[in-house]
N, C-alpha and C. Protein backbone atom coordinates (compact mmCIF):
# COMPACT_ATOMS: atom_id res chain seq x y z
N MET A 1 95.76 95.11 86.95
CA MET A 1 95.46 94.00 86.08
C MET A 1 96.10 94.25 84.72
N GLN A 2 96.27 93.21 83.99
CA GLN A 2 96.94 93.27 82.70
C GLN A 2 95.90 93.23 81.59
N SER A 3 96.34 93.44 80.36
CA SER A 3 95.40 93.51 79.25
C SER A 3 94.98 92.14 78.72
N THR A 4 95.77 91.09 78.95
CA THR A 4 95.39 89.77 78.48
C THR A 4 94.98 88.90 79.65
N LEU A 5 94.17 87.89 79.38
CA LEU A 5 93.71 87.01 80.44
C LEU A 5 94.87 86.27 81.09
N ALA A 6 95.82 85.79 80.29
CA ALA A 6 96.95 85.05 80.85
C ALA A 6 97.78 85.92 81.78
N ALA A 7 98.02 87.18 81.40
CA ALA A 7 98.79 88.09 82.26
C ALA A 7 98.00 88.46 83.50
N THR A 8 96.69 88.62 83.36
CA THR A 8 95.85 88.96 84.50
C THR A 8 95.84 87.83 85.52
N VAL A 9 95.67 86.60 85.06
CA VAL A 9 95.66 85.45 85.96
C VAL A 9 97.01 85.30 86.64
N ALA A 10 98.08 85.51 85.89
CA ALA A 10 99.42 85.37 86.45
C ALA A 10 99.68 86.37 87.57
N ASN A 11 99.08 87.56 87.48
CA ASN A 11 99.33 88.61 88.47
C ASN A 11 98.22 88.74 89.50
N ALA A 12 97.17 87.94 89.42
CA ALA A 12 96.01 88.12 90.29
C ALA A 12 96.28 87.76 91.74
N ALA A 13 97.18 86.87 92.02
CA ALA A 13 97.41 86.43 93.40
C ALA A 13 98.23 87.43 94.20
N GLN A 14 99.01 88.27 93.55
CA GLN A 14 99.93 89.15 94.29
C GLN A 14 99.23 90.21 95.14
N PRO A 15 98.26 90.98 94.64
CA PRO A 15 97.65 92.02 95.49
C PRO A 15 97.01 91.50 96.78
N PRO A 16 96.31 90.35 96.79
CA PRO A 16 95.79 89.89 98.08
C PRO A 16 96.91 89.57 99.09
N VAL A 17 98.02 89.04 98.60
CA VAL A 17 99.15 88.76 99.49
C VAL A 17 99.69 90.06 100.06
N ASP A 18 99.85 91.06 99.21
CA ASP A 18 100.37 92.36 99.64
C ASP A 18 99.42 93.00 100.64
N THR A 19 98.12 92.94 100.34
CA THR A 19 97.13 93.52 101.23
C THR A 19 97.12 92.80 102.57
N THR A 20 97.29 91.50 102.55
CA THR A 20 97.35 90.73 103.79
C THR A 20 98.54 91.16 104.63
N LEU A 21 99.69 91.36 103.99
CA LEU A 21 100.87 91.84 104.72
C LEU A 21 100.57 93.17 105.40
N GLY A 22 99.96 94.08 104.67
CA GLY A 22 99.62 95.38 105.24
C GLY A 22 98.61 95.27 106.36
N ALA A 23 97.63 94.39 106.20
CA ALA A 23 96.62 94.21 107.23
C ALA A 23 97.23 93.57 108.48
N LEU A 24 98.19 92.69 108.30
CA LEU A 24 98.84 92.07 109.46
C LEU A 24 99.71 93.08 110.21
N GLY A 25 100.09 94.16 109.53
CA GLY A 25 100.90 95.18 110.15
C GLY A 25 100.14 96.02 111.16
N VAL A 26 98.83 95.85 111.22
CA VAL A 26 98.02 96.62 112.16
C VAL A 26 98.26 96.11 113.57
N SER A 27 98.51 97.02 114.46
CA SER A 27 98.71 96.60 115.85
C SER A 27 97.78 97.40 116.75
N SER A 28 97.66 96.96 117.97
CA SER A 28 96.77 97.62 118.92
C SER A 28 97.51 98.67 119.75
N VAL A 29 98.74 99.02 119.37
CA VAL A 29 99.50 99.98 120.16
C VAL A 29 99.13 101.42 119.86
N GLY A 30 98.27 101.65 118.91
CA GLY A 30 97.83 103.00 118.62
C GLY A 30 98.14 103.40 117.19
N SER A 31 97.60 104.54 116.82
CA SER A 31 97.81 105.06 115.47
C SER A 31 98.51 106.40 115.57
N ASN A 32 99.80 106.37 115.71
CA ASN A 32 100.55 107.61 115.67
C ASN A 32 101.62 107.50 114.60
N VAL A 33 102.27 108.60 114.32
CA VAL A 33 103.20 108.65 113.19
C VAL A 33 104.41 107.73 113.42
N LEU A 34 104.86 107.57 114.65
CA LEU A 34 106.01 106.69 114.90
C LEU A 34 105.66 105.23 114.66
N VAL A 35 104.49 104.82 115.11
CA VAL A 35 104.05 103.43 114.89
C VAL A 35 103.84 103.19 113.40
N PHE A 36 103.26 104.17 112.71
CA PHE A 36 103.05 104.03 111.28
C PHE A 36 104.39 103.92 110.55
N GLY A 37 105.33 104.78 110.88
CA GLY A 37 106.65 104.73 110.25
C GLY A 37 107.35 103.41 110.51
N ALA A 38 107.27 102.93 111.74
CA ALA A 38 107.87 101.63 112.06
C ALA A 38 107.18 100.51 111.29
N GLY A 39 105.86 100.61 111.16
CA GLY A 39 105.12 99.60 110.40
C GLY A 39 105.52 99.55 108.94
N VAL A 40 105.69 100.73 108.32
CA VAL A 40 106.11 100.78 106.92
C VAL A 40 107.52 100.20 106.78
N PHE A 41 108.39 100.52 107.74
CA PHE A 41 109.76 99.99 107.70
C PHE A 41 109.76 98.46 107.82
N VAL A 42 108.98 97.94 108.75
CA VAL A 42 108.91 96.48 108.94
C VAL A 42 108.30 95.81 107.70
N LEU A 43 107.32 96.44 107.09
CA LEU A 43 106.76 95.90 105.85
C LEU A 43 107.81 95.83 104.75
N GLY A 44 108.65 96.84 104.68
CA GLY A 44 109.74 96.82 103.70
C GLY A 44 110.69 95.66 103.95
N LEU A 45 111.02 95.44 105.21
CA LEU A 45 111.90 94.31 105.54
C LEU A 45 111.22 92.98 105.21
N ALA A 46 109.93 92.87 105.53
CA ALA A 46 109.20 91.62 105.25
C ALA A 46 109.13 91.36 103.76
N CYS A 47 108.84 92.38 102.97
CA CYS A 47 108.76 92.21 101.52
C CYS A 47 110.12 91.82 100.94
N ALA A 48 111.17 92.42 101.47
CA ALA A 48 112.52 92.08 101.00
C ALA A 48 112.87 90.64 101.39
N ALA A 49 112.54 90.25 102.62
CA ALA A 49 112.84 88.89 103.08
C ALA A 49 112.07 87.84 102.28
N LEU A 50 110.85 88.18 101.85
CA LEU A 50 110.03 87.25 101.08
C LEU A 50 110.30 87.36 99.58
N HIS A 51 111.24 88.21 99.19
CA HIS A 51 111.62 88.42 97.79
C HIS A 51 110.42 88.82 96.93
N LEU A 52 109.59 89.73 97.48
CA LEU A 52 108.44 90.24 96.73
C LEU A 52 108.85 91.45 95.91
N GLU A 53 108.09 91.76 94.90
CA GLU A 53 108.37 92.91 94.04
C GLU A 53 108.09 94.21 94.79
N ARG A 54 108.54 95.32 94.24
CA ARG A 54 108.32 96.62 94.87
C ARG A 54 106.84 96.97 94.95
N THR A 55 106.05 96.48 94.00
CA THR A 55 104.61 96.77 94.06
C THR A 55 104.00 96.14 95.30
N ALA A 56 104.55 95.03 95.76
CA ALA A 56 104.05 94.40 96.99
C ALA A 56 104.23 95.34 98.16
N TYR A 57 105.37 95.99 98.24
CA TYR A 57 105.65 96.94 99.31
C TYR A 57 104.68 98.11 99.23
N ARG A 58 104.40 98.58 98.02
CA ARG A 58 103.46 99.69 97.85
C ARG A 58 102.07 99.31 98.31
N PHE A 59 101.57 98.16 97.83
CA PHE A 59 100.22 97.72 98.22
C PHE A 59 100.12 97.50 99.73
N ALA A 60 101.14 96.87 100.31
CA ALA A 60 101.13 96.61 101.75
C ALA A 60 101.14 97.93 102.53
N SER A 61 101.93 98.88 102.10
CA SER A 61 102.00 100.17 102.79
C SER A 61 100.70 100.95 102.67
N VAL A 62 100.08 100.90 101.50
CA VAL A 62 98.79 101.59 101.31
C VAL A 62 97.74 100.97 102.23
N THR A 63 97.71 99.65 102.31
CA THR A 63 96.76 98.99 103.20
C THR A 63 97.02 99.38 104.65
N LEU A 64 98.28 99.38 105.06
CA LEU A 64 98.61 99.80 106.42
C LEU A 64 98.15 101.22 106.68
N ALA A 65 98.37 102.12 105.73
CA ALA A 65 97.94 103.51 105.89
C ALA A 65 96.43 103.62 106.02
N ILE A 66 95.71 102.91 105.17
CA ILE A 66 94.25 102.96 105.22
C ILE A 66 93.73 102.44 106.55
N VAL A 67 94.28 101.33 107.00
CA VAL A 67 93.78 100.71 108.23
C VAL A 67 94.19 101.51 109.46
N MET A 68 95.41 102.02 109.50
CA MET A 68 95.90 102.71 110.69
C MET A 68 95.47 104.17 110.77
N LEU A 69 95.50 104.88 109.67
CA LEU A 69 95.36 106.32 109.72
C LEU A 69 93.97 106.85 109.44
N VAL A 70 93.11 106.04 108.84
CA VAL A 70 91.74 106.47 108.57
C VAL A 70 90.91 106.24 109.82
N ALA A 71 90.19 107.28 110.23
CA ALA A 71 89.35 107.16 111.43
C ALA A 71 88.23 106.16 111.16
N HIS A 72 88.03 105.25 112.09
CA HIS A 72 86.96 104.26 111.96
C HIS A 72 86.47 103.87 113.34
N ARG A 73 85.24 103.38 113.38
CA ARG A 73 84.63 103.01 114.67
C ARG A 73 84.88 101.57 115.04
N GLU A 74 85.12 100.73 114.03
CA GLU A 74 85.34 99.31 114.28
C GLU A 74 86.79 99.08 114.72
N PRO A 75 87.06 97.89 115.26
CA PRO A 75 88.45 97.54 115.54
C PRO A 75 89.27 97.51 114.25
N ALA A 76 90.57 97.68 114.37
CA ALA A 76 91.45 97.75 113.20
C ALA A 76 91.37 96.48 112.36
N TRP A 77 91.19 95.32 112.98
CA TRP A 77 91.15 94.08 112.21
C TRP A 77 89.91 94.03 111.30
N VAL A 78 88.81 94.68 111.71
CA VAL A 78 87.61 94.72 110.87
C VAL A 78 87.89 95.58 109.64
N MET A 79 88.54 96.71 109.85
CA MET A 79 88.92 97.58 108.73
C MET A 79 89.87 96.83 107.78
N ALA A 80 90.80 96.08 108.35
CA ALA A 80 91.74 95.30 107.53
C ALA A 80 90.99 94.24 106.72
N ALA A 81 90.02 93.57 107.33
CA ALA A 81 89.24 92.56 106.62
C ALA A 81 88.44 93.20 105.49
N HIS A 82 87.88 94.39 105.73
CA HIS A 82 87.14 95.10 104.69
C HIS A 82 88.06 95.46 103.52
N ARG A 83 89.26 95.92 103.84
CA ARG A 83 90.23 96.28 102.79
C ARG A 83 90.59 95.05 101.96
N PHE A 84 90.80 93.92 102.63
CA PHE A 84 91.11 92.68 101.92
C PHE A 84 89.96 92.31 100.99
N ALA A 85 88.72 92.42 101.49
CA ALA A 85 87.55 92.11 100.66
C ALA A 85 87.46 93.04 99.46
N GLU A 86 87.74 94.34 99.66
CA GLU A 86 87.72 95.29 98.54
C GLU A 86 88.71 94.88 97.46
N VAL A 87 89.91 94.51 97.87
CA VAL A 87 90.94 94.12 96.89
C VAL A 87 90.53 92.84 96.18
N ALA A 88 90.01 91.87 96.93
CA ALA A 88 89.60 90.59 96.33
C ALA A 88 88.46 90.80 95.33
N ILE A 89 87.50 91.65 95.65
CA ILE A 89 86.40 91.93 94.74
C ILE A 89 86.93 92.63 93.48
N GLY A 90 87.84 93.56 93.66
CA GLY A 90 88.43 94.25 92.51
C GLY A 90 89.16 93.30 91.58
N ILE A 91 89.87 92.34 92.15
CA ILE A 91 90.57 91.35 91.33
C ILE A 91 89.58 90.45 90.61
N ALA A 92 88.54 90.04 91.29
CA ALA A 92 87.52 89.20 90.66
C ALA A 92 86.86 89.94 89.49
N VAL A 93 86.56 91.21 89.67
CA VAL A 93 85.97 92.00 88.59
C VAL A 93 86.96 92.13 87.43
N GLY A 94 88.24 92.38 87.76
CA GLY A 94 89.26 92.49 86.72
C GLY A 94 89.40 91.20 85.93
N LEU A 95 89.38 90.06 86.62
CA LEU A 95 89.46 88.77 85.92
C LEU A 95 88.22 88.55 85.05
N GLY A 96 87.07 88.90 85.60
CA GLY A 96 85.83 88.75 84.83
C GLY A 96 85.84 89.62 83.58
N MET A 97 86.32 90.85 83.70
CA MET A 97 86.37 91.74 82.54
C MET A 97 87.39 91.24 81.51
N ALA A 98 88.48 90.64 81.96
CA ALA A 98 89.47 90.10 81.02
C ALA A 98 88.87 88.94 80.23
N VAL A 99 87.93 88.20 80.83
CA VAL A 99 87.27 87.10 80.13
C VAL A 99 86.19 87.63 79.20
N VAL A 100 85.35 88.54 79.71
CA VAL A 100 84.22 89.05 78.95
C VAL A 100 84.66 89.98 77.82
N TRP A 101 85.69 90.79 78.08
CA TRP A 101 86.12 91.80 77.12
C TRP A 101 87.62 91.65 76.88
N PRO A 102 88.02 90.60 76.16
CA PRO A 102 89.45 90.34 75.95
C PRO A 102 90.09 91.40 75.06
N ASP A 103 91.38 91.57 75.25
CA ASP A 103 92.16 92.50 74.44
C ASP A 103 92.35 91.90 73.06
N ARG A 104 91.96 92.61 72.05
CA ARG A 104 92.11 92.13 70.67
C ARG A 104 93.27 92.85 70.01
N HIS A 105 94.28 92.08 69.63
CA HIS A 105 95.43 92.64 68.94
C HIS A 105 95.18 92.62 67.45
N PRO A 106 95.38 93.73 66.75
CA PRO A 106 95.19 93.71 65.29
C PRO A 106 96.23 92.84 64.62
N ALA A 107 95.82 92.20 63.55
CA ALA A 107 96.75 91.33 62.81
C ALA A 107 97.84 92.18 62.19
N SER A 108 99.07 91.71 62.32
CA SER A 108 100.20 92.46 61.75
C SER A 108 100.24 92.22 60.25
N SER A 109 100.63 93.24 59.52
CA SER A 109 100.64 93.15 58.06
C SER A 109 102.10 93.09 57.57
N ALA A 110 102.85 92.14 58.09
CA ALA A 110 104.25 92.03 57.67
C ALA A 110 104.49 90.86 56.79
């Protein structure tokens, strides 16, 4: 998130998109290093094709890693949905804090 409300709102939509890309990268073929590597590579191609910033690739890859490589009892799509919810809640809190506690710039003395 950014320090001003306008910058925060402008950047708030990107992380959920990135997280969704990473969550969509989850497949039922298993969680091994080759599948993970191929998933990260495909995410890179998808981010490049969609003309997303490098941070999108990072967020998507982190989500893929969390969903694929962390041991869990639920199906992978449930873990992906939880990760998406975590990111969405974090963004909502960041937006709320930008409204409640705005960045105050000192007046310049020029």
